[in-house]
C-alpha atoms as a PDB file:
ATOM      1  CA  MET A   1      78.127 133.040 123.020  1.00  0.00           C
ATOM      2  CA  MET A   2      75.157 133.177 125.392  1.00  0.00           C
ATOM      3  CA  ILE A   3      75.428 132.349 129.085  1.00  0.00           C
ATOM      4  CA  VAL A   4      72.276 131.123 130.764  1.00  0.00           C
ATOM      5  CA  ASN A   5      72.161 131.538 134.531  1.00  0.00           C
ATOM      6  CA  THR A   6      70.986 128.295 136.048  1.00  0.00           C
ATOM      7  CA  PRO A   7      71.287 128.481 139.824  1.00  0.00           C
ATOM      8  CA  CYS A   8      69.157 125.369 140.118  1.00  0.00           C
ATOM      9  CA  CYS A   9      70.000 123.269 137.054  1.00  0.00           C
ATOM     10  CA  LEU A  10      69.745 120.063 139.056  1.00  0.00           C
ATOM     11  CA  SER A  11      66.336 120.575 140.561  1.00  0.00           C
ATOM     12  CA  SER A  12      66.032 119.561 144.164  1.00  0.00           C
ATOM     13  CA  ALA A  13      62.281 119.609 143.680  1.00  0.00           C
ATOM     14  CA  CYS A  14      62.216 116.458 141.588  1.00  0.00           C
ATOM     15  CA  VAL A  15      60.740 113.440 143.287  1.00  0.00           C
ATOM     16  CA  ALA A  16      63.139 110.607 143.998  1.00  0.00           C
ATOM     17  CA  ALA A  17      61.832 107.479 142.338  1.00  0.00           C
ATOM     18  CA  LEU A  18      62.309 104.067 143.826  1.00  0.00           C
ATOM     19  CA  LEU A  19      64.139 101.806 141.428  1.00  0.00           C
ATOM     20  CA  CYS A  20      61.963  98.997 140.271  1.00  0.00           C
ATOM     21  CA  ALA A  21      64.222  96.181 139.170  1.00  0.00           C
ATOM     22  CA  VAL A  22      62.756  94.169 136.346  1.00  0.00           C
ATOM     23  CA  SER A  23      65.028  91.224 135.642  1.00  0.00           C
ATOM     24  CA  LEU A  24      64.419  89.856 132.176  1.00  0.00           C
ATOM     25  CA  THR A  25      64.818  86.155 131.568  1.00  0.00           C
ATOM     26  CA  ILE A  26      67.634  85.208 129.229  1.00  0.00           C
ATOM     27  CA  GLY A  27      66.655  81.920 127.657  1.00  0.00           C
ATOM     28  CA  CYS A  28      68.664  78.763 127.212  1.00  0.00           C
ATOM     29  CA  VAL A  29      72.173  79.410 125.914  1.00  0.00           C
ATOM     30  CA  THR A  30      72.990  76.171 124.129  1.00  0.00           C
ATOM     31  CA  PRO A  31      75.523  76.156 121.260  1.00  0.00           C
ATOM     32  CA  ARG A  32      73.888  75.514 117.915  1.00  0.00           C
ATOM     33  CA  GLU A  33      75.018  72.621 115.770  1.00  0.00           C
ATOM     34  CA  SER A  34      75.747  75.137 113.030  1.00  0.00           C
ATOM     35  CA  ALA A  35      78.226  77.026 115.210  1.00  0.00           C
ATOM     36  CA  ARG A  36      81.360  77.822 113.201  1.00  0.00           C
ATOM     37  CA  ARG A  37      84.870  77.264 114.511  1.00  0.00           C
ATOM     38  CA  ALA A  38      87.970  79.164 113.478  1.00  0.00           C
ATOM     39  CA  ASP A  39      90.496  77.500 111.191  1.00  0.00           C
ATOM     40  CA  ALA A  40      93.411  79.706 112.265  1.00  0.00           C
ATOM     41  CA  PRO A  41      95.887  77.683 114.364  1.00  0.00           C
ATOM     42  CA  GLY A  42      96.423  78.841 117.922  1.00  0.00           C
ATOM     43  CA  GLU A  43      93.235  80.907 118.048  1.00  0.00           C
ATOM     44  CA  PRO A  44      90.283  79.984 120.278  1.00  0.00           C
ATOM     45  CA  ALA A  45      87.358  78.610 118.324  1.00  0.00           C
ATOM     46  CA  PRO A  46      84.471  81.084 118.119  1.00  0.00           C
ATOM     47  CA  ILE A  47      81.087  79.657 119.068  1.00  0.00           C
ATOM     48  CA  VAL A  48      77.785  81.193 118.007  1.00  0.00           C
ATOM     49  CA  ILE A  49      75.178  81.023 120.744  1.00  0.00           C
ATOM     50  CA  ASP A  50      71.581  82.092 120.225  1.00  0.00           C
ATOM     51  CA  VAL A  51      69.131  82.910 122.976  1.00  0.00           C
ATOM     52  CA  ASP A  52      66.640  83.371 120.173  1.00  0.00           C
ATOM     53  CA  PRO A  53      67.464  81.111 117.192  1.00  0.00           C
ATOM     54  CA  ALA A  54      65.774  83.647 114.893  1.00  0.00           C
ATOM     55  CA  SER A  55      68.180  86.430 115.904  1.00  0.00           C
ATOM     56  CA  GLU A  56      70.207  87.821 113.035  1.00  0.00           C
ATOM     57  CA  ILE A  57      72.708  90.655 112.679  1.00  0.00           C
ATOM     58  CA  SER A  58      70.826  92.145 109.772  1.00  0.00           C
ATOM     59  CA  GLY A  59      68.537  94.995 108.898  1.00  0.00           C
ATOM     60  CA  VAL A  60      69.220  98.120 110.920  1.00  0.00           C
ATOM     61  CA  VAL A  61      72.101  98.008 113.419  1.00  0.00           C
ATOM     62  CA  ARG A  62      72.217 101.324 115.265  1.00  0.00           C
ATOM     63  CA  VAL A  63      75.221 101.098 117.555  1.00  0.00           C
ATOM     64  CA  VAL A  64      78.514  99.231 117.947  1.00  0.00           C
ATOM     65  CA  PHE A  65      80.439  99.649 121.226  1.00  0.00           C
ATOM     66  CA  GLU A  66      83.590  98.211 122.821  1.00  0.00           C
ATOM     67  CA  ASP A  67      83.756  97.878 126.611  1.00  0.00           C
ATOM     68  CA  SER A  68      86.814  97.995 128.887  1.00  0.00           C
ATOM     69  CA  ARG A  69      87.332  94.232 128.515  1.00  0.00           C
ATOM     70  CA  GLY A  70      87.502  94.408 124.721  1.00  0.00           C
ATOM     71  CA  THR A  71      84.025  92.931 124.279  1.00  0.00           C
ATOM     72  CA  ILE A  72      82.067  94.191 121.276  1.00  0.00           C
ATOM     73  CA  TRP A  73      78.387  95.036 121.778  1.00  0.00           C
ATOM     74  CA  LEU A  74      75.847  95.603 118.999  1.00  0.00           C
ATOM     75  CA  GLY A  75      72.407  97.129 119.322  1.00  0.00           C
ATOM     76  CA  GLY A  76      69.590  97.024 116.825  1.00  0.00           C
ATOM     77  CA  GLU A  77      65.869  96.422 116.634  1.00  0.00           C
ATOM     78  CA  CYS A  78      65.181  94.508 119.895  1.00  0.00           C
ATOM     79  CA  ASP A  79      68.356  92.399 119.742  1.00  0.00           C
ATOM     80  CA  LEU A  80      71.554  93.019 121.707  1.00  0.00           C
ATOM     81  CA  PHE A  81      74.637  91.079 120.609  1.00  0.00           C
ATOM     82  CA  ARG A  82      77.799  90.476 122.648  1.00  0.00           C
ATOM     83  CA  TYR A  83      81.053  89.235 121.088  1.00  0.00           C
ATOM     84  CA  ASP A  84      83.921  88.557 123.506  1.00  0.00           C
ATOM     85  CA  GLY A  85      86.472  87.400 120.921  1.00  0.00           C
ATOM     86  CA  ARG A  86      85.356  83.784 121.140  1.00  0.00           C
ATOM     87  CA  THR A  87      81.626  83.653 121.695  1.00  0.00           C
ATOM     88  CA  LEU A  88      78.718  85.532 120.189  1.00  0.00           C
ATOM     89  CA  THR A  89      75.631  85.771 122.393  1.00  0.00           C
ATOM     90  CA  SER A  90      72.325  87.395 121.525  1.00  0.00           C
ATOM     91  CA  TYR A  91      69.778  88.787 123.955  1.00  0.00           C
ATOM     92  CA  VAL A  92      66.293  90.132 123.420  1.00  0.00           C
ATOM     93  CA  ILE A  93      66.021  93.510 125.176  1.00  0.00           C
ATOM     94  CA  LYS A  94      62.665  94.684 126.531  1.00  0.00           C
ATOM     95  CA  ASP A  95      61.509  97.751 128.417  1.00  0.00           C
ATOM     96  CA  ASP A  96      60.127  97.840 131.965  1.00  0.00           C
ATOM     97  CA  LEU A  97      56.718  96.817 130.614  1.00  0.00           C
ATOM     98  CA  GLY A  98      58.063  93.819 128.695  1.00  0.00           C
ATOM     99  CA  ARG A  99      57.878  95.365 125.215  1.00  0.00           C
ATOM    100  CA  GLY A 100      60.534  95.062 122.524  1.00  0.00           C
ATOM    101  CA  VAL A 101      62.710  98.136 121.955  1.00  0.00           C
ATOM    102  CA  THR A 102      65.223  99.661 119.561  1.00  0.00           C
ATOM    103  CA  ILE A 103      68.700 100.110 121.063  1.00  0.00           C
ATOM    104  CA  LYS A 104      70.177 103.511 120.199  1.00  0.00           C
ATOM    105  CA  ARG A 105      73.184 103.833 122.504  1.00  0.00           C
ATOM    106  CA  ILE A 106      75.444 101.602 124.639  1.00  0.00           C
ATOM    107  CA  VAL A 107      77.819 102.780 127.391  1.00  0.00           C
ATOM    108  CA  GLU A 108      79.735 101.249 130.305  1.00  0.00           C
ATOM    109  CA  ASP A 109      79.715 102.635 133.838  1.00  0.00           C
ATOM    110  CA  LYS A 110      82.550 102.686 136.371  1.00  0.00           C
ATOM    111  CA  ALA A 111      81.488  99.344 137.841  1.00  0.00           C
ATOM    112  CA  GLY A 112      81.611  97.631 134.440  1.00  0.00           C
ATOM    113  CA  ASN A 113      77.846  97.469 133.974  1.00  0.00           C
ATOM    114  CA  ILE A 114      76.586  97.871 130.422  1.00  0.00           C
ATOM    115  CA  TRP A 115      73.771 100.361 129.858  1.00  0.00           C
ATOM    116  CA  CYS A 116      71.553 100.514 126.778  1.00  0.00           C
ATOM    117  CA  GLY A 117      69.555 103.604 125.841  1.00  0.00           C
ATOM    118  CA  THR A 118      66.438 102.485 123.993  1.00  0.00           C
ATOM    119  CA  THR A 119      63.007 103.490 122.767  1.00  0.00           C
ATOM    120  CA  GLY A 120      61.747 102.045 126.059  1.00  0.00           C
ATOM    121  CA  GLY A 121      64.015 103.765 128.583  1.00  0.00           C
ATOM    122  CA  ILE A 122      67.381 102.460 129.806  1.00  0.00           C
ATOM    123  CA  THR A 123      68.458  98.897 130.524  1.00  0.00           C
ATOM    124  CA  ARG A 124      71.389  97.759 132.672  1.00  0.00           C
ATOM    125  CA  PHE A 125      73.241  94.467 132.214  1.00  0.00           C
ATOM    126  CA  ASP A 126      75.367  93.529 135.235  1.00  0.00           C
ATOM    127  CA  GLY A 127      76.860  90.424 133.656  1.00  0.00           C
ATOM    128  CA  THR A 128      74.066  88.179 134.885  1.00  0.00           C
ATOM    129  CA  SER A 129      70.690  89.855 134.461  1.00  0.00           C
ATOM    130  CA  PHE A 130      68.989  92.805 132.818  1.00  0.00           C
ATOM    131  CA  THR A 131      67.167  95.561 134.714  1.00  0.00           C
ATOM    132  CA  SER A 132      65.081  98.152 132.875  1.00  0.00           C
ATOM    133  CA  PHE A 133      64.054 101.616 134.060  1.00  0.00           C
ATOM    134  CA  GLY A 134      61.326 103.804 132.589  1.00  0.00           C
ATOM    135  CA  GLU A 135      59.020 106.673 133.359  1.00  0.00           C
ATOM    136  CA  LYS A 136      57.547 104.967 136.411  1.00  0.00           C
ATOM    137  CA  ASP A 137      61.040 105.031 137.926  1.00  0.00           C
ATOM    138  CA  GLY A 138      61.467 108.769 137.327  1.00  0.00           C
ATOM    139  CA  LEU A 139      62.859 108.928 133.780  1.00  0.00           C
ATOM    140  CA  ILE A 140      61.247 111.895 132.035  1.00  0.00           C
ATOM    141  CA  SER A 141      60.694 110.053 128.733  1.00  0.00           C
ATOM    142  CA  GLN A 142      60.914 106.461 127.515  1.00  0.00           C
ATOM    143  CA  ASP A 143      62.392 107.583 124.183  1.00  0.00           C
ATOM    144  CA  VAL A 144      66.141 107.731 124.908  1.00  0.00           C
ATOM    145  CA  TRP A 145      68.468 109.128 122.235  1.00  0.00           C
ATOM    146  CA  ASN A 146      71.872 109.140 123.912  1.00  0.00           C
ATOM    147  CA  LEU A 147      73.794 108.355 127.117  1.00  0.00           C
ATOM    148  CA  THR A 148      77.138 109.159 128.696  1.00  0.00           C
ATOM    149  CA  VAL A 149      78.838 108.623 132.054  1.00  0.00           C
ATOM    150  CA  ASP A 150      80.504 111.554 133.837  1.00  0.00           C
ATOM    151  CA  PRO A 151      83.607 111.399 136.105  1.00  0.00           C
ATOM    152  CA  SER A 152      81.430 110.967 139.206  1.00  0.00           C
ATOM    153  CA  GLY A 153      79.823 107.872 137.701  1.00  0.00           C
ATOM    154  CA  ALA A 154      76.466 109.534 137.083  1.00  0.00           C
ATOM    155  CA  ILE A 155      74.677 108.770 133.822  1.00  0.00           C
ATOM    156  CA  TRP A 156      73.332 111.611 131.680  1.00  0.00           C
ATOM    157  CA  ILE A 157      70.342 110.539 129.617  1.00  0.00           C
ATOM    158  CA  CYS A 158      69.103 112.440 126.548  1.00  0.00           C
ATOM    159  CA  THR A 159      65.480 111.880 125.636  1.00  0.00           C
ATOM    160  CA  LEU A 160      62.729 113.204 123.402  1.00  0.00           C
ATOM    161  CA  GLU A 161      61.530 115.335 126.314  1.00  0.00           C
ATOM    162  CA  GLY A 162      64.815 116.589 127.738  1.00  0.00           C
ATOM    163  CA  VAL A 163      67.695 115.410 129.954  1.00  0.00           C
ATOM    164  CA  CYS A 164      67.889 113.368 133.151  1.00  0.00           C
ATOM    165  CA  ARG A 165      70.874 112.716 135.405  1.00  0.00           C
ATOM    166  CA  PHE A 166      70.859 109.311 137.114  1.00  0.00           C
ATOM    167  CA  ASP A 167      73.105 108.795 140.155  1.00  0.00           C
ATOM    168  CA  GLY A 168      72.224 105.134 140.560  1.00  0.00           C
ATOM    169  CA  LYS A 169      69.271 105.868 142.822  1.00  0.00           C
ATOM    170  CA  THR A 170      67.403 108.897 141.524  1.00  0.00           C
ATOM    171  CA  PHE A 171      66.554 110.366 138.109  1.00  0.00           C
ATOM    172  CA  THR A 172      66.930 114.154 138.302  1.00  0.00           C
ATOM    173  CA  PRO A 173      65.613 116.293 135.413  1.00  0.00           C
ATOM    174  CA  PHE A 174      68.151 118.788 134.091  1.00  0.00           C
ATOM    175  CA  ALA A 175      66.633 121.941 132.614  1.00  0.00           C
ATOM    176  CA  LEU A 176      67.673 123.075 129.127  1.00  0.00           C
ATOM    177  CA  PRO A 177      66.014 125.863 127.130  1.00  0.00           C
ATOM    178  CA  GLU A 178      63.453 124.716 124.597  1.00  0.00           C
ATOM    179  CA  ALA A 179      63.952 125.232 120.861  1.00  0.00           C
ATOM    180  CA  PRO A 180      61.631 125.045 117.840  1.00  0.00           C
ATOM    181  CA  PRO A 181      61.027 121.441 116.735  1.00  0.00           C
ATOM    182  CA  ASP A 182      62.710 120.428 113.483  1.00  0.00           C
ATOM    183  CA  PRO A 183      59.888 119.880 110.938  1.00  0.00           C
ATOM    184  CA  THR A 184      62.177 117.827 108.673  1.00  0.00           C
ATOM    185  CA  ARG A 185      62.610 115.088 111.287  1.00  0.00           C
ATOM    186  CA  GLY A 186      60.219 112.207 111.724  1.00  0.00           C
ATOM    187  CA  VAL A 187      60.537 112.403 115.508  1.00  0.00           C
ATOM    188  CA  THR A 188      61.087 115.774 117.167  1.00  0.00           C
ATOM    189  CA  SER A 189      59.971 118.038 119.982  1.00  0.00           C
ATOM    190  CA  SER A 190      60.863 121.397 121.501  1.00  0.00           C
ATOM    191  CA  ARG A 191      62.784 119.625 124.284  1.00  0.00           C
ATOM    192  CA  ILE A 192      64.574 116.877 122.360  1.00  0.00           C
ATOM    193  CA  VAL A 193      68.267 116.431 123.163  1.00  0.00           C
ATOM    194  CA  HIS A 194      70.089 114.529 120.439  1.00  0.00           C
ATOM    195  CA  CYS A 195      73.456 113.874 122.061  1.00  0.00           C
ATOM    196  CA  VAL A 196      75.644 114.354 125.127  1.00  0.00           C
ATOM    197  CA  MET A 197      79.424 114.344 125.631  1.00  0.00           C
ATOM    198  CA  VAL A 198      81.684 114.852 128.671  1.00  0.00           C
ATOM    199  CA  ASP A 199      84.966 116.590 127.852  1.00  0.00           C
ATOM    200  CA  ARG A 200      88.352 116.156 129.551  1.00  0.00           C
ATOM    201  CA  LYS A 201      87.544 119.011 131.959  1.00  0.00           C
ATOM    202  CA  GLY A 202      84.394 117.228 133.108  1.00  0.00           C
ATOM    203  CA  GLN A 203      82.096 119.678 131.350  1.00  0.00           C
ATOM    204  CA  VAL A 204      78.911 118.204 129.884  1.00  0.00           C
ATOM    205  CA  TRP A 205      77.964 119.144 126.305  1.00  0.00           C
ATOM    206  CA  PHE A 206      74.447 118.711 124.910  1.00  0.00           C
ATOM    207  CA  GLY A 207      73.267 118.826 121.278  1.00  0.00           C
ATOM    208  CA  THR A 208      69.793 120.289 120.763  1.00  0.00           C
ATOM    209  CA  ASN A 209      67.734 122.030 118.107  1.00  0.00           C
ATOM    210  CA  GLY A 210      68.887 125.293 119.684  1.00  0.00           C
ATOM    211  CA  GLY A 211      72.590 124.634 119.255  1.00  0.00           C
ATOM    212  CA  ALA A 212      75.025 123.191 121.799  1.00  0.00           C
ATOM    213  CA  TYR A 213      74.889 123.755 125.560  1.00  0.00           C
ATOM    214  CA  ILE A 214      77.868 123.379 127.893  1.00  0.00           C
ATOM    215  CA  TYR A 215      77.420 122.773 131.617  1.00  0.00           C
ATOM    216  CA  ASP A 216      80.535 123.323 133.760  1.00  0.00           C
ATOM    217  CA  GLY A 217      78.919 122.284 137.027  1.00  0.00           C
ATOM    218  CA  THR A 218      77.585 125.761 137.741  1.00  0.00           C
ATOM    219  CA  THR A 219      76.767 127.644 134.559  1.00  0.00           C
ATOM    220  CA  LEU A 220      75.060 126.693 131.322  1.00  0.00           C
ATOM    221  CA  THR A 221      76.510 128.271 128.163  1.00  0.00           C
ATOM    222  CA  ASN A 222      75.027 128.165 124.671  1.00  0.00           C
ATOM    223  CA  LEU A 223      76.859 128.012 121.326  1.00  0.00           C
ATOM    224  CA  SER A 224      74.660 128.599 118.288  1.00  0.00           C
ATOM    225  CA  GLU A 225      74.532 130.078 114.805  1.00  0.00           C
ATOM    226  CA  ARG A 226      75.046 133.491 116.424  1.00  0.00           C
ATOM    227  CA  ASP A 227      78.531 132.357 117.443  1.00  0.00           C
ATOM    228  CA  GLY A 228      79.435 130.748 114.125  1.00  0.00           C
ATOM    229  CA  LEU A 229      77.944 127.261 114.418  1.00  0.00           C
ATOM    230  CA  PRO A 230      76.751 126.367 110.895  1.00  0.00           C
ATOM    231  CA  ASN A 231      73.394 125.022 112.050  1.00  0.00           C
ATOM    232  CA  ASN A 232      71.534 124.900 115.365  1.00  0.00           C
ATOM    233  CA  ALA A 233      70.361 121.286 114.994  1.00  0.00           C
ATOM    234  CA  VAL A 234      73.339 119.527 116.605  1.00  0.00           C
ATOM    235  CA  GLY A 235      73.270 115.735 116.303  1.00  0.00           C
ATOM    236  CA  GLY A 236      76.762 114.784 117.445  1.00  0.00           C
ATOM    237  CA  ILE A 237      79.600 116.246 119.531  1.00  0.00           C
ATOM    238  CA  LEU A 238      83.186 114.970 119.753  1.00  0.00           C
ATOM    239  CA  GLU A 239      86.260 116.238 121.592  1.00  0.00           C
ATOM    240  CA  ASP A 240      89.454 115.288 119.752  1.00  0.00           C
ATOM    241  CA  ARG A 241      92.817 114.606 121.375  1.00  0.00           C
ATOM    242  CA  SER A 242      93.892 118.209 120.794  1.00  0.00           C
ATOM    243  CA  GLY A 243      90.891 119.536 122.705  1.00  0.00           C
ATOM    244  CA  ASN A 244      88.989 120.768 119.645  1.00  0.00           C
ATOM    245  CA  ILE A 245      85.228 120.195 119.683  1.00  0.00           C
ATOM    246  CA  TRP A 246      83.619 118.782 116.530  1.00  0.00           C
ATOM    247  CA  PHE A 247      79.923 119.180 115.776  1.00  0.00           C
ATOM    248  CA  SER A 248      77.814 117.216 113.337  1.00  0.00           C
ATOM    249  CA  THR A 249      74.591 118.958 112.368  1.00  0.00           C
ATOM    250  CA  THR A 250      71.406 118.086 110.539  1.00  0.00           C
ATOM    251  CA  HIS A 251      71.388 120.953 108.039  1.00  0.00           C
ATOM    252  CA  GLY A 252      74.889 122.433 108.092  1.00  0.00           C
ATOM    253  CA  GLY A 253      77.329 119.534 107.912  1.00  0.00           C
ATOM    254  CA  ILE A 254      80.536 119.446 109.972  1.00  0.00           C
ATOM    255  CA  SER A 255      82.152 122.118 112.095  1.00  0.00           C
ATOM    256  CA  ARG A 256      85.164 122.287 114.447  1.00  0.00           C
ATOM    257  CA  PHE A 257      85.455 124.689 117.396  1.00  0.00           C
ATOM    258  CA  ASP A 258      88.875 125.483 118.864  1.00  0.00           C
ATOM    259  CA  GLY A 259      87.501 127.339 121.866  1.00  0.00           C
ATOM    260  CA  THR A 260      87.508 130.661 120.050  1.00  0.00           C
ATOM    261  CA  ALA A 261      86.264 130.254 116.482  1.00  0.00           C
ATOM    262  CA  PHE A 262      84.467 127.759 114.248  1.00  0.00           C
ATOM    263  CA  MET A 263      85.849 126.130 111.116  1.00  0.00           C
ATOM    264  CA  ASN A 264      82.808 125.088 109.067  1.00  0.00           C
ATOM    265  CA  PHE A 265      84.139 122.480 106.647  1.00  0.00           C
ATOM    266  CA  THR A 266      80.877 121.868 104.781  1.00  0.00           C
ATOM    267  CA  GLU A 267      80.074 125.562 104.488  1.00  0.00           C
ATOM    268  CA  LEU A 268      83.556 126.165 103.034  1.00  0.00           C
ATOM    269  CA  GLY A 269      83.047 123.422 100.441  1.00  0.00           C
ATOM    270  CA  ILE A 270      85.864 121.260 101.851  1.00  0.00           C
ATOM    271  CA  ILE A 271      83.566 118.280 102.388  1.00  0.00           C
ATOM    272  CA  GLU A 272      80.077 117.342 101.176  1.00  0.00           C
ATOM    273  CA  GLY A 273      76.949 116.521 103.115  1.00  0.00           C
ATOM    274  CA  GLN A 274      74.502 118.565 105.158  1.00  0.00           C
ATOM    275  CA  GLU A 275      73.067 115.806 107.378  1.00  0.00           C
ATOM    276  CA  ILE A 276      75.890 114.142 109.311  1.00  0.00           C
ATOM    277  CA  TRP A 277      75.027 111.133 111.454  1.00  0.00           C
ATOM    278  CA  CYS A 278      78.226 110.126 113.208  1.00  0.00           C
ATOM    279  CA  LEU A 279      81.689 111.216 114.327  1.00  0.00           C
ATOM    280  CA  HIS A 280      84.395 108.956 115.755  1.00  0.00           C
ATOM    281  CA  GLU A 281      88.046 109.471 116.660  1.00  0.00           C
ATOM    282  CA  GLY A 282      90.209 106.401 116.129  1.00  0.00           C
ATOM    283  CA  ARG A 283      93.318 105.276 117.992  1.00  0.00           C
ATOM    284  CA  SER A 284      95.641 107.154 115.642  1.00  0.00           C
ATOM    285  CA  GLY A 285      93.726 110.402 116.056  1.00  0.00           C
ATOM    286  CA  ASP A 286      92.025 110.113 112.676  1.00  0.00           C
ATOM    287  CA  ILE A 287      88.406 111.257 112.748  1.00  0.00           C
ATOM    288  CA  TRP A 288      85.779 109.286 110.851  1.00  0.00           C
ATOM    289  CA  ILE A 289      82.732 111.164 109.530  1.00  0.00           C
ATOM    290  CA  ALA A 290      79.605 109.707 107.943  1.00  0.00           C
ATOM    291  CA  GLY A 291      76.227 111.113 106.985  1.00  0.00           C
ATOM    292  CA  LYS A 292      73.072 110.564 105.012  1.00  0.00           C
ATOM    293  CA  ARG A 293      73.691 110.158 101.287  1.00  0.00           C
ATOM    294  CA  SER A 294      77.083 111.840 101.513  1.00  0.00           C
ATOM    295  CA  PRO A 295      80.655 110.547 101.271  1.00  0.00           C
ATOM    296  CA  MET A 296      82.358 109.041 104.292  1.00  0.00           C
ATOM    297  CA  TYR A 297      85.530 110.876 105.274  1.00  0.00           C
ATOM    298  CA  ARG A 298      88.613 110.151 107.328  1.00  0.00           C
ATOM    299  CA  TYR A 299      90.227 113.312 108.637  1.00  0.00           C
ATOM    300  CA  THR A 300      93.927 112.929 109.300  1.00  0.00           C
ATOM    301  CA  ASP A 301      96.293 115.411 110.938  1.00  0.00           C
ATOM    302  CA  ARG A 302      99.809 114.042 110.587  1.00  0.00           C
ATOM    303  CA  ASN A 303     103.231 115.557 110.116  1.00  0.00           C
ATOM    304  CA  GLY A 304     101.724 119.031 110.222  1.00  0.00           C
ATOM    305  CA  GLY A 305      99.336 118.263 107.357  1.00  0.00           C
ATOM    306  CA  HIS A 306      95.537 118.326 107.497  1.00  0.00           C
ATOM    307  CA  GLU A 307      93.554 116.274 105.024  1.00  0.00           C
ATOM    308  CA  PHE A 308      90.059 114.862 104.499  1.00  0.00           C
ATOM    309  CA  ILE A 309      90.322 111.519 102.717  1.00  0.00           C
ATOM    310  CA  THR A 310      87.174 110.287 100.983  1.00  0.00           C
ATOM    311  CA  VAL A 311      86.347 106.654 101.732  1.00  0.00           C
ATOM    312  CA  PRO A 312      85.100 104.998  98.518  1.00  0.00           C
ATOM    313  CA  GLU A 313      81.373 104.376  98.485  1.00  0.00           C
ATOM    314  CA  GLN A 314      80.380 100.723  98.670  1.00  0.00           C
ATOM    315  CA  ASP A 315      76.798  99.609  98.092  1.00  0.00           C
ATOM    316  CA  GLU A 316      75.336 102.382 100.257  1.00  0.00           C
ATOM    317  CA  ILE A 317      77.291 101.055 103.240  1.00  0.00           C
ATOM    318  CA  THR A 318      79.296 104.197 103.837  1.00  0.00           C
ATOM    319  CA  THR A 319      76.493 106.681 103.117  1.00  0.00           C
ATOM    320  CA  LEU A 320      73.989 105.157 105.546  1.00  0.00           C
ATOM    321  CA  ALA A 321      76.133 104.661 108.664  1.00  0.00           C
ATOM    322  CA  PHE A 322      74.848 105.353 112.175  1.00  0.00           C
ATOM    323  CA  THR A 323      77.983 104.452 114.153  1.00  0.00           C
ATOM    324  CA  ILE A 324      81.693 103.999 113.414  1.00  0.00           C
ATOM    325  CA  LEU A 325      84.089 102.373 115.891  1.00  0.00           C
ATOM    326  CA  GLU A 326      87.810 101.639 115.801  1.00  0.00           C
ATOM    327  CA  ASP A 327      88.332  99.009 118.500  1.00  0.00           C
ATOM    328  CA  SER A 328      91.378  98.367 120.682  1.00  0.00           C
ATOM    329  CA  ALA A 329      92.710  95.877 118.124  1.00  0.00           C
ATOM    330  CA  GLY A 330      92.597  98.495 115.361  1.00  0.00           C
ATOM    331  CA  ARG A 331      89.584  97.011 113.584  1.00  0.00           C
ATOM    332  CA  VAL A 332      87.149  99.556 112.132  1.00  0.00           C
ATOM    333  CA  TRP A 333      83.465  98.666 112.486  1.00  0.00           C
ATOM    334  CA  LEU A 334      80.551 100.391 110.809  1.00  0.00           C
ATOM    335  CA  CYS A 335      76.862  99.831 111.400  1.00  0.00           C
ATOM    336  CA  GLY A 336      73.799 101.387 109.855  1.00  0.00           C
ATOM    337  CA  THR A 337      70.667 100.816 107.859  1.00  0.00           C
ATOM    338  CA  ASN A 338      72.232  97.884 105.986  1.00  0.00           C
ATOM    339  CA  GLY A 339      73.605  96.000 109.000  1.00  0.00           C
ATOM    340  CA  LEU A 340      77.106  95.524 110.447  1.00  0.00           C
ATOM    341  CA  PHE A 341      80.378  95.790 108.516  1.00  0.00           C
ATOM    342  CA  ARG A 342      84.083  95.510 109.288  1.00  0.00           C
ATOM    343  CA  ARG A 343      86.750  97.331 107.302  1.00  0.00           C
ATOM    344  CA  ASP A 344      89.122  94.930 105.604  1.00  0.00           C
ATOM    345  CA  GLY A 345      91.845  96.840 103.794  1.00  0.00           C
ATOM    346  CA  GLU A 346      90.129  99.496 101.706  1.00  0.00           C
ATOM    347  CA  SER A 347      86.704  97.842 101.614  1.00  0.00           C
ATOM    348  CA  PHE A 348      83.997  96.766 104.044  1.00  0.00           C
ATOM    349  CA  VAL A 349      82.866  93.168 104.542  1.00  0.00           C
ATOM    350  CA  LYS A 350      79.416  92.345 105.892  1.00  0.00           C
ATOM    351  CA  VAL A 351      79.427  90.660 109.296  1.00  0.00           C
ATOM    352  CA  THR A 352      76.665  88.219 110.185  1.00  0.00           C
ATOM    353  CA  LYS A 353      76.327  86.175 113.354  1.00  0.00           C
ATOM    354  CA  ASP A 354      78.632  83.604 111.729  1.00  0.00           C
ATOM    355  CA  GLY A 355      81.303  86.238 111.050  1.00  0.00           C
ATOM    356  CA  PRO A 356      83.800  87.052 109.729  1.00  0.00           C
ATOM    357  CA  TRP A 357      84.884  88.637 113.038  1.00  0.00           C
ATOM    358  CA  ARG A 358      88.635  88.905 112.313  1.00  0.00           C
END
């Protein structure tokens, strides 16, 4: 384990950028004649509303997210979808220069605002309008890979060119050591940060090509292959309810760190797959794992037993998943290169803008 002394991680030398609010027009929201209504008695009738009639939940869907109100958000290529249990609304998201973007991450801040990390910076939705922030506002790179909100309400933003911390007024670069770019990736750099996670102690974890970095508010610590991590290219980090830290990597599969030692499940031959794309802990404590061209797994730890259960492959749905979500109602959602799906029993059903949503 390497400790990096960073007496000035949050540089006071960075220039505070004035926030330039760019409110994007959301077109006419008129229910279509083709809007479907639910047949189930006693349930509110869902209405499909299109800002852009051409919008479809199809192709690549990169992220599915549930906010504190139980609303489901979907992000894909330009389109953002919002499903509140009754109404589906679509929005076209653009960057601060008015260009279409790909939405890679969605989070909610303490005030209930929804933030999207995109290929054009970050965009905030306050319930009424959209405001986008980019490099001219102080963000170090337009190409955002991940976001999270810390206990203070600040947003940590991972980009192709490093990390920024946004306190609502100023973007402050946060220095991380550089690492060799990954030549197997289509998009890479020596400063790319793939993911960020805040643990229950308030520590911030970053996934880079040089392993994982942990910032405790004062000191930056590195975990890498030297310490037992199976691969330095860390794409995802998850803290489970027991306090274990799970890592998904690009070339070494899945690993779990208990604070002392690593258990490298792929390296031990317990599960398959070197390139893991997503990790998610469900309400029951089960952990869902999916990767590129590898089986999807559900890890369960019940009654003292530990088991990886393989989820049957279905038309390349489970092997090409970017995000898995178990919502507050217990529904499991999966999105990826083939669109959006909802788990129904032991199989997945494709969800379009007309449903099925339940």
